[in-house]
PDB file of N, CA and C in Angstrom:
ATOM      1  N   MET A   1      17.518 -13.450 -15.921  1.00  0.00           N
ATOM      2  CA  MET A   1      16.371 -13.566 -15.048  1.00  0.00           C
ATOM      3  C   MET A   1      15.606 -14.828 -15.438  1.00  0.00           C
ATOM      4  N   GLU A   2      15.240 -15.594 -14.445  1.00  0.00           N
ATOM      5  CA  GLU A   2      14.495 -16.826 -14.696  1.00  0.00           C
ATOM      6  C   GLU A   2      13.023 -16.499 -14.929  1.00  0.00           C
ATOM      7  N   ILE A   3      12.433 -17.138 -15.915  1.00  0.00           N
ATOM      8  CA  ILE A   3      11.031 -16.922 -16.276  1.00  0.00           C
ATOM      9  C   ILE A   3      10.219 -18.119 -15.816  1.00  0.00           C
ATOM     10  N   THR A   4       9.002 -17.845 -15.348  1.00  0.00           N
ATOM     11  CA  THR A   4       8.089 -18.891 -14.930  1.00  0.00           C
ATOM     12  C   THR A   4       6.703 -18.597 -15.490  1.00  0.00           C
ATOM     13  N   THR A   5       5.846 -19.581 -15.433  1.00  0.00           N
ATOM     14  CA  THR A   5       4.483 -19.418 -15.910  1.00  0.00           C
ATOM     15  C   THR A   5       3.537 -19.502 -14.727  1.00  0.00           C
ATOM     16  N   ILE A   6       2.583 -18.590 -14.689  1.00  0.00           N
ATOM     17  CA  ILE A   6       1.554 -18.601 -13.651  1.00  0.00           C
ATOM     18  C   ILE A   6       0.217 -18.767 -14.351  1.00  0.00           C
ATOM     19  N   ALA A   7      -0.528 -19.782 -13.945  1.00  0.00           N
ATOM     20  CA  ALA A   7      -1.833 -20.025 -14.553  1.00  0.00           C
ATOM     21  C   ALA A   7      -2.889 -19.153 -13.886  1.00  0.00           C
ATOM     22  N   VAL A   8      -3.594 -18.388 -14.689  1.00  0.00           N
ATOM     23  CA  VAL A   8      -4.719 -17.587 -14.203  1.00  0.00           C
ATOM     24  C   VAL A   8      -5.883 -17.785 -15.171  1.00  0.00           C
ATOM     25  N   GLU A   9      -7.071 -17.568 -14.655  1.00  0.00           N
ATOM     26  CA  GLU A   9      -8.246 -17.671 -15.522  1.00  0.00           C
ATOM     27  C   GLU A   9      -8.212 -16.543 -16.543  1.00  0.00           C
ATOM     28  N   LYS A  10      -8.843 -16.771 -17.687  1.00  0.00           N
ATOM     29  CA  LYS A  10      -8.820 -15.781 -18.766  1.00  0.00           C
ATOM     30  C   LYS A  10      -9.380 -14.437 -18.323  1.00  0.00           C
ATOM     31  N   ASN A  11     -10.431 -14.467 -17.507  1.00  0.00           N
ATOM     32  CA  ASN A  11     -11.018 -13.191 -17.074  1.00  0.00           C
ATOM     33  C   ASN A  11     -10.040 -12.420 -16.174  1.00  0.00           C
ATOM     34  N   VAL A  12      -9.239 -13.142 -15.392  1.00  0.00           N
ATOM     35  CA  VAL A  12      -8.228 -12.491 -14.562  1.00  0.00           C
ATOM     36  C   VAL A  12      -7.144 -11.894 -15.454  1.00  0.00           C
ATOM     37  N   LYS A  13      -6.736 -12.622 -16.466  1.00  0.00           N
ATOM     38  CA  LYS A  13      -5.734 -12.124 -17.405  1.00  0.00           C
ATOM     39  C   LYS A  13      -6.211 -10.833 -18.062  1.00  0.00           C
ATOM     40  N   GLU A  14      -7.473 -10.789 -18.446  1.00  0.00           N
ATOM     41  CA  GLU A  14      -8.019  -9.584 -19.083  1.00  0.00           C
ATOM     42  C   GLU A  14      -8.051  -8.415 -18.107  1.00  0.00           C
ATOM     43  N   LYS A  15      -8.370  -8.700 -16.846  1.00  0.00           N
ATOM     44  CA  LYS A  15      -8.380  -7.636 -15.839  1.00  0.00           C
ATOM     45  C   LYS A  15      -6.976  -7.076 -15.630  1.00  0.00           C
ATOM     46  N   ILE A  16      -5.987  -7.958 -15.591  1.00  0.00           N
ATOM     47  CA  ILE A  16      -4.598  -7.505 -15.448  1.00  0.00           C
ATOM     48  C   ILE A  16      -4.210  -6.654 -16.653  1.00  0.00           C
ATOM     49  N   LYS A  17      -4.603  -7.116 -17.831  1.00  0.00           N
ATOM     50  CA  LYS A  17      -4.281  -6.427 -19.084  1.00  0.00           C
ATOM     51  C   LYS A  17      -4.825  -4.991 -19.081  1.00  0.00           C
ATOM     52  N   GLU A  18      -5.991  -4.787 -18.450  1.00  0.00           N
ATOM     53  CA  GLU A  18      -6.604  -3.458 -18.395  1.00  0.00           C
ATOM     54  C   GLU A  18      -5.727  -2.454 -17.645  1.00  0.00           C
ATOM     55  N   PHE A  19      -4.884  -2.934 -16.747  1.00  0.00           N
ATOM     56  CA  PHE A  19      -4.002  -2.060 -15.984  1.00  0.00           C
ATOM     57  C   PHE A  19      -2.713  -1.741 -16.722  1.00  0.00           C
ATOM     58  N   GLY A  20      -2.486  -2.408 -17.828  1.00  0.00           N
ATOM     59  CA  GLY A  20      -1.232  -2.239 -18.550  1.00  0.00           C
ATOM     60  C   GLY A  20      -1.193  -1.013 -19.433  1.00  0.00           C
ATOM     61  N   ASN A  21       0.021  -0.592 -19.684  1.00  0.00           N
ATOM     62  CA  ASN A  21       0.270   0.485 -20.636  1.00  0.00           C
ATOM     63  C   ASN A  21       0.783  -0.141 -21.924  1.00  0.00           C
ATOM     64  N   LYS A  22       0.701   0.594 -23.018  1.00  0.00           N
ATOM     65  CA  LYS A  22       1.128   0.087 -24.307  1.00  0.00           C
ATOM     66  C   LYS A  22       2.585  -0.396 -24.241  1.00  0.00           C
ATOM     67  N   GLY A  23       2.813  -1.608 -24.699  1.00  0.00           N
ATOM     68  CA  GLY A  23       4.150  -2.174 -24.738  1.00  0.00           C
ATOM     69  C   GLY A  23       4.628  -2.782 -23.438  1.00  0.00           C
ATOM     70  N   GLU A  24       3.807  -2.730 -22.407  1.00  0.00           N
ATOM     71  CA  GLU A  24       4.190  -3.251 -21.107  1.00  0.00           C
ATOM     72  C   GLU A  24       3.914  -4.755 -21.033  1.00  0.00           C
ATOM     73  N   THR A  25       4.833  -5.499 -20.462  1.00  0.00           N
ATOM     74  CA  THR A  25       4.642  -6.944 -20.325  1.00  0.00           C
ATOM     75  C   THR A  25       3.763  -7.222 -19.107  1.00  0.00           C
ATOM     76  N   PHE A  26       3.229  -8.458 -19.055  1.00  0.00           N
ATOM     77  CA  PHE A  26       2.423  -8.835 -17.896  1.00  0.00           C
ATOM     78  C   PHE A  26       3.269  -8.783 -16.631  1.00  0.00           C
ATOM     79  N   SER A  27       4.527  -9.154 -16.740  1.00  0.00           N
ATOM     80  CA  SER A  27       5.421  -9.113 -15.590  1.00  0.00           C
ATOM     81  C   SER A  27       5.562  -7.680 -15.077  1.00  0.00           C
ATOM     82  N   GLN A  28       5.712  -6.729 -15.978  1.00  0.00           N
ATOM     83  CA  GLN A  28       5.836  -5.327 -15.584  1.00  0.00           C
ATOM     84  C   GLN A  28       4.545  -4.811 -14.952  1.00  0.00           C
ATOM     85  N   ILE A  29       3.414  -5.228 -15.520  1.00  0.00           N
ATOM     86  CA  ILE A  29       2.121  -4.808 -14.969  1.00  0.00           C
ATOM     87  C   ILE A  29       1.960  -5.334 -13.550  1.00  0.00           C
ATOM     88  N   VAL A  30       2.209  -6.622 -13.359  1.00  0.00           N
ATOM     89  CA  VAL A  30       2.042  -7.238 -12.042  1.00  0.00           C
ATOM     90  C   VAL A  30       3.011  -6.612 -11.048  1.00  0.00           C
ATOM     91  N   GLU A  31       4.246  -6.371 -11.473  1.00  0.00           N
ATOM     92  CA  GLU A  31       5.230  -5.749 -10.586  1.00  0.00           C
ATOM     93  C   GLU A  31       4.764  -4.367 -10.143  1.00  0.00           C
ATOM     94  N   ARG A  32       4.237  -3.586 -11.081  1.00  0.00           N
ATOM     95  CA  ARG A  32       3.745  -2.247 -10.752  1.00  0.00           C
ATOM     96  C   ARG A  32       2.547  -2.310  -9.813  1.00  0.00           C
ATOM     97  N   LEU A  33       1.635  -3.270 -10.052  1.00  0.00           N
ATOM     98  CA  LEU A  33       0.467  -3.434  -9.178  1.00  0.00           C
ATOM     99  C   LEU A  33       0.882  -3.841  -7.765  1.00  0.00           C
ATOM    100  N   LEU A  34       1.880  -4.717  -7.667  1.00  0.00           N
ATOM    101  CA  LEU A  34       2.371  -5.133  -6.348  1.00  0.00           C
ATOM    102  C   LEU A  34       3.016  -3.963  -5.611  1.00  0.00           C
ATOM    103  N   GLU A  35       3.782  -3.164  -6.333  1.00  0.00           N
ATOM    104  CA  GLU A  35       4.401  -1.986  -5.723  1.00  0.00           C
ATOM    105  C   GLU A  35       3.328  -1.019  -5.217  1.00  0.00           C
ATOM    106  N   SER A  36       2.296  -0.824  -6.021  1.00  0.00           N
ATOM    107  CA  SER A  36       1.202   0.047  -5.624  1.00  0.00           C
ATOM    108  C   SER A  36       0.490  -0.501  -4.388  1.00  0.00           C
ATOM    109  N   ALA A  37       0.266  -1.803  -4.356  1.00  0.00           N
ATOM    110  CA  ALA A  37      -0.386  -2.429  -3.198  1.00  0.00           C
ATOM    111  C   ALA A  37       0.470  -2.267  -1.949  1.00  0.00           C
ATOM    112  N   ASN A  38       1.778  -2.466  -2.074  1.00  0.00           N
ATOM    113  CA  ASN A  38       2.680  -2.296  -0.930  1.00  0.00           C
ATOM    114  C   ASN A  38       2.672  -0.857  -0.428  1.00  0.00           C
ATOM    115  N   ASN A  39       2.659   0.092  -1.346  1.00  0.00           N
ATOM    116  CA  ASN A  39       2.604   1.504  -0.958  1.00  0.00           C
ATOM    117  C   ASN A  39       1.309   1.815  -0.226  1.00  0.00           C
ATOM    118  N   ARG A  40       0.217   1.237  -0.692  1.00  0.00           N
ATOM    119  CA  ARG A  40      -1.081   1.463  -0.045  1.00  0.00           C
ATOM    120  C   ARG A  40      -1.105   0.864   1.353  1.00  0.00           C
ATOM    121  N   ILE A  41      -0.540  -0.320   1.508  1.00  0.00           N
ATOM    122  CA  ILE A  41      -0.472  -0.953   2.822  1.00  0.00           C
ATOM    123  C   ILE A  41       0.339  -0.082   3.775  1.00  0.00           C
ATOM    124  N   LEU A  42       1.482   0.425   3.304  1.00  0.00           N
ATOM    125  CA  LEU A  42       2.319   1.288   4.124  1.00  0.00           C
ATOM    126  C   LEU A  42       1.578   2.571   4.485  1.00  0.00           C
ATOM    127  N   GLN A  43       0.896   3.163   3.525  1.00  0.00           N
ATOM    128  CA  GLN A  43       0.134   4.386   3.780  1.00  0.00           C
ATOM    129  C   GLN A  43      -0.950   4.128   4.820  1.00  0.00           C
ATOM    130  N   ASP A  44      -1.669   3.023   4.672  1.00  0.00           N
ATOM    131  CA  ASP A  44      -2.716   2.690   5.638  1.00  0.00           C
ATOM    132  C   ASP A  44      -2.131   2.504   7.032  1.00  0.00           C
ATOM    133  N   LEU A  45      -0.983   1.874   7.122  1.00  0.00           N
ATOM    134  CA  LEU A  45      -0.329   1.666   8.407  1.00  0.00           C
ATOM    135  C   LEU A  45       0.089   2.997   9.032  1.00  0.00           C
ATOM    136  N   LEU A  46       0.704   3.862   8.228  1.00  0.00           N
ATOM    137  CA  LEU A  46       1.177   5.140   8.743  1.00  0.00           C
ATOM    138  C   LEU A  46       0.043   6.098   9.098  1.00  0.00           C
ATOM    139  N   MET A  47      -1.069   5.978   8.403  1.00  0.00           N
ATOM    140  CA  MET A  47      -2.186   6.895   8.629  1.00  0.00           C
ATOM    141  C   MET A  47      -3.237   6.331   9.583  1.00  0.00           C
ATOM    142  N   ASP A  48      -2.980   5.165  10.145  1.00  0.00           N
ATOM    143  CA  ASP A  48      -3.926   4.528  11.063  1.00  0.00           C
ATOM    144  C   ASP A  48      -4.075   5.397  12.314  1.00  0.00           C
ATOM    145  N   THR A  49      -5.298   5.703  12.683  1.00  0.00           N
ATOM    146  CA  THR A  49      -5.542   6.566  13.838  1.00  0.00           C
ATOM    147  C   THR A  49      -6.012   5.801  15.066  1.00  0.00           C
ATOM    148  N   LYS A  50      -6.053   4.473  14.992  1.00  0.00           N
ATOM    149  CA  LYS A  50      -6.416   3.696  16.169  1.00  0.00           C
ATOM    150  C   LYS A  50      -5.368   3.912  17.247  1.00  0.00           C
ATOM    151  N   ASN A  51      -5.817   3.975  18.473  1.00  0.00           N
ATOM    152  CA  ASN A  51      -4.926   4.132  19.627  1.00  0.00           C
ATOM    153  C   ASN A  51      -4.103   5.419  19.568  1.00  0.00           C
ATOM    154  N   THR A  52      -4.655   6.460  18.987  1.00  0.00           N
ATOM    155  CA  THR A  52      -3.975   7.749  18.953  1.00  0.00           C
ATOM    156  C   THR A  52      -4.831   8.785  19.665  1.00  0.00           C
ATOM    157  N   VAL A  53      -4.222   9.882  20.031  1.00  0.00           N
ATOM    158  CA  VAL A  53      -4.950  10.992  20.641  1.00  0.00           C
ATOM    159  C   VAL A  53      -4.608  12.258  19.872  1.00  0.00           C
ATOM    160  N   PRO A  54      -5.512  13.214  19.854  1.00  0.00           N
ATOM    161  CA  PRO A  54      -5.220  14.478  19.183  1.00  0.00           C
ATOM    162  C   PRO A  54      -4.010  15.164  19.839  1.00  0.00           C
ATOM    163  N   ILE A  55      -3.292  15.951  19.079  1.00  0.00           N
ATOM    164  CA  ILE A  55      -2.069  16.593  19.559  1.00  0.00           C
ATOM    165  C   ILE A  55      -2.336  17.479  20.769  1.00  0.00           C
ATOM    166  N   GLY A  56      -3.457  18.152  20.770  1.00  0.00           N
ATOM    167  CA  GLY A  56      -3.795  19.015  21.914  1.00  0.00           C
ATOM    168  C   GLY A  56      -3.917  18.224  23.202  1.00  0.00           C
ATOM    169  N   VAL A  57      -4.559  17.081  23.130  1.00  0.00           N
ATOM    170  CA  VAL A  57      -4.711  16.208  24.294  1.00  0.00           C
ATOM    171  C   VAL A  57      -3.345  15.689  24.733  1.00  0.00           C
ATOM    172  N   ALA A  58      -2.519  15.282  23.782  1.00  0.00           N
ATOM    173  CA  ALA A  58      -1.183  14.767  24.109  1.00  0.00           C
ATOM    174  C   ALA A  58      -0.346  15.843  24.787  1.00  0.00           C
ATOM    175  N   LEU A  59      -0.398  17.085  24.287  1.00  0.00           N
ATOM    176  CA  LEU A  59       0.364  18.178  24.891  1.00  0.00           C
ATOM    177  C   LEU A  59      -0.125  18.475  26.305  1.00  0.00           C
ATOM    178  N   ALA A  60      -1.436  18.472  26.494  1.00  0.00           N
ATOM    179  CA  ALA A  60      -1.991  18.720  27.829  1.00  0.00           C
ATOM    180  C   ALA A  60      -1.545  17.635  28.800  1.00  0.00           C
ATOM    181  N   ARG A  61      -1.567  16.391  28.373  1.00  0.00           N
ATOM    182  CA  ARG A  61      -1.114  15.292  29.230  1.00  0.00           C
ATOM    183  C   ARG A  61       0.366  15.440  29.573  1.00  0.00           C
ATOM    184  N   ALA A  62       1.172  15.812  28.576  1.00  0.00           N
ATOM    185  CA  ALA A  62       2.602  15.961  28.808  1.00  0.00           C
ATOM    186  C   ALA A  62       2.888  17.098  29.788  1.00  0.00           C
ATOM    187  N   LYS A  63       2.194  18.233  29.631  1.00  0.00           N
ATOM    188  CA  LYS A  63       2.397  19.370  30.535  1.00  0.00           C
ATOM    189  C   LYS A  63       2.007  18.992  31.959  1.00  0.00           C
ATOM    190  N   LYS A  64       0.929  18.257  32.084  1.00  0.00           N
ATOM    191  CA  LYS A  64       0.468  17.837  33.406  1.00  0.00           C
ATOM    192  C   LYS A  64       1.459  16.846  34.030  1.00  0.00           C
ATOM    193  N   ARG A  65       1.968  15.961  33.241  1.00  0.00           N
ATOM    194  CA  ARG A  65       2.858  14.919  33.745  1.00  0.00           C
ATOM    195  C   ARG A  65       4.243  15.483  34.097  1.00  0.00           C
ATOM    196  N   TRP A  66       4.739  16.425  33.313  1.00  0.00           N
ATOM    197  CA  TRP A  66       6.088  16.953  33.533  1.00  0.00           C
ATOM    198  C   TRP A  66       6.043  18.434  33.942  1.00  0.00           C
ATOM    199  N   GLN A  67       5.287  18.695  34.984  1.00  0.00           N
ATOM    200  CA  GLN A  67       5.213  20.064  35.479  1.00  0.00           C
ATOM    201  C   GLN A  67       6.557  20.462  36.092  1.00  0.00           C
ATOM    202  N   LYS A  68       6.876  21.742  35.970  1.00  0.00           N
ATOM    203  CA  LYS A  68       8.138  22.249  36.560  1.00  0.00           C
ATOM    204  C   LYS A  68       7.940  22.545  38.002  1.00  0.00           C
TER     205      LYS A  68
END
């Protein structure tokens, strides 16, 4: 695996360090934080209620639209 250096301010480094577990590298911490952020973005997307209707309203509309 290729290693690179990312310059961050000392206060940012300390904040990242606070999220770490004993023996964890900065790379592992950042990777875990990114995974958590991605999961949160996905959760927010899936749980977004904009442009939605309650199930009762949707069922009533469907029954009205597809009457026998």
